[in-house]
Protein backbone atom coordinates (compact mmCIF):
# COMPACT_ATOMS: atom_id res chain seq x y z
CA UNK A 1 -94.19 105.28 65.21
CA UNK A 2 -95.82 103.45 67.30
CA UNK A 3 -97.63 101.41 63.92
CA UNK A 4 -93.70 100.86 62.76
CA UNK A 5 -93.01 99.57 66.32
CA UNK A 6 -95.42 96.98 66.57
CA UNK A 7 -95.03 95.74 62.82
CA UNK A 8 -90.92 95.50 63.10
CA UNK A 9 -92.06 93.79 66.82
CA UNK A 10 -94.25 91.23 65.16
CA UNK A 11 -91.67 90.39 62.02
CA UNK A 12 -88.93 89.97 65.15
CA UNK A 13 -91.52 87.73 66.93
CA UNK A 14 -92.39 85.76 63.65
CA UNK A 15 -88.84 85.35 62.89
CA UNK A 16 -88.10 84.02 66.38
CA UNK A 17 -90.63 81.65 65.81
CA UNK A 18 -89.30 80.53 62.88
CA UNK A 19 -85.90 80.15 64.17
CA UNK A 20 -87.60 77.74 66.95
CA UNK A 21 -89.30 75.80 64.71
CA UNK A 22 -86.15 75.26 62.51
CA UNK A 23 -83.91 74.49 66.20
CA UNK A 24 -86.60 71.79 66.75
CA UNK A 25 -86.62 69.95 63.19
CA UNK A 26 -82.88 69.99 63.45
CA UNK A 27 -82.67 69.14 67.09
CA UNK A 28 -85.40 66.14 66.10
CA UNK A 29 -83.03 65.28 62.66
CA UNK A 30 -79.82 65.16 65.41
CA UNK A 31 -81.49 62.63 67.56
CA UNK A 32 -82.18 60.59 64.94
CA UNK A 33 -79.08 60.61 63.34
CA UNK A 34 -77.19 59.73 66.56
CA UNK A 35 -79.59 56.81 66.71
CA UNK A 36 -78.78 55.77 63.31
CA UNK A 37 -74.87 56.10 64.06
CA UNK A 38 -75.61 53.89 67.51
CA UNK A 39 -77.19 51.47 65.44
CA UNK A 40 -74.37 51.18 62.54
CA UNK A 41 -71.29 51.14 65.63
CA UNK A 42 -73.06 48.25 66.84
CA UNK A 43 -73.58 46.54 63.56
CA UNK A 44 -69.83 47.06 62.93
CA UNK A 45 -68.73 45.72 66.20
CA UNK A 46 -70.91 42.85 65.35
CA UNK A 47 -69.08 42.27 61.80
CA UNK A 48 -65.98 42.49 63.75
CA UNK A 49 -66.79 39.73 66.13
CA UNK A 50 -68.02 37.63 63.25
CA UNK A 51 -64.49 38.73 61.22
CA UNK A 52 -62.30 37.62 64.44
CA UNK A 53 -64.06 34.12 64.74
CA UNK A 54 -63.70 33.43 60.79
CA UNK A 55 -60.32 34.36 60.60
CA UNK A 56 -59.79 31.92 63.62
CA UNK A 57 -61.69 29.33 61.72
CA UNK A 58 -59.75 30.03 58.87
CA UNK A 59 -56.48 29.54 60.92
CA UNK A 60 -57.52 26.42 62.53
CA UNK A 61 -58.74 24.72 59.02
CA UNK A 62 -55.34 25.52 57.31
CA UNK A 63 -53.54 23.85 60.54
CA UNK A 64 -55.51 20.83 59.86
CA UNK A 65 -54.94 20.77 55.98
CA UNK A 66 -50.99 21.19 57.10
CA UNK A 67 -51.87 18.57 59.48
CA UNK A 68 -53.28 16.27 56.72
CA UNK A 69 -50.73 16.71 54.32
CA UNK A 70 -48.03 15.78 56.58
CA UNK A 71 -50.57 12.40 57.96
CA UNK A 72 -50.96 12.12 53.77
CA UNK A 73 -46.91 11.70 53.54
CA UNK A 74 -46.86 9.34 56.10
CA UNK A 75 -49.32 6.88 54.94
CA UNK A 76 -47.70 6.99 51.17
CA UNK A 77 -44.95 5.54 52.87
CA UNK A 78 -46.66 2.57 54.55
CA UNK A 79 -48.52 1.61 51.27
CA UNK A 80 -52.00 2.19 51.21
CA UNK A 81 -51.67 5.35 49.26
CA UNK A 82 -54.76 5.54 47.27
CA UNK A 83 -56.78 4.85 49.92
CA UNK A 84 -55.67 7.58 51.90
CA UNK A 85 -55.02 10.05 48.81
CA UNK A 86 -58.96 9.77 48.27
CA UNK A 87 -59.63 9.95 51.84
CA UNK A 88 -57.26 12.81 52.43
CA UNK A 89 -58.78 14.39 48.88
CA UNK A 90 -62.43 14.25 50.55
CA UNK A 91 -61.37 16.03 53.75
CA UNK A 92 -59.90 18.83 51.55
CA UNK A 93 -62.64 19.59 49.73
CA UNK A 94 -64.77 19.54 52.68
CA UNK A 95 -62.43 22.25 54.07
CA UNK A 96 -62.05 24.01 50.99
CA UNK A 97 -65.83 24.18 50.95
CA UNK A 98 -65.77 25.52 54.79
CA UNK A 99 -63.05 28.22 53.80
CA UNK A 100 -65.01 29.53 51.02
CA UNK A 101 -68.38 29.80 52.99
CA UNK A 102 -65.97 31.80 55.62
CA UNK A 103 -64.71 34.20 52.93
CA UNK A 104 -68.33 35.16 52.09
């Protein structure tokens, strides 16, 4: 009976050691995953800030386009519409490039 008890006790001890080992491995993996989640949250926050800045810049550029179009209407009535159209067309192209960069 003593031998059976000793074998059962050794088996129990072995199982407990295995459980402790698995716990430590799982705890380490849990910490790694927490760190990874924290990094992703930081990256998401950074992207949200960039998106907000880009949206503000886009709105500014759209406002500028509207002002330029309004200015073009006034210039066109003053006589030198071809020059004004060329300048405004160039500005609009530049603004379109900026918008395309912001949308990337």
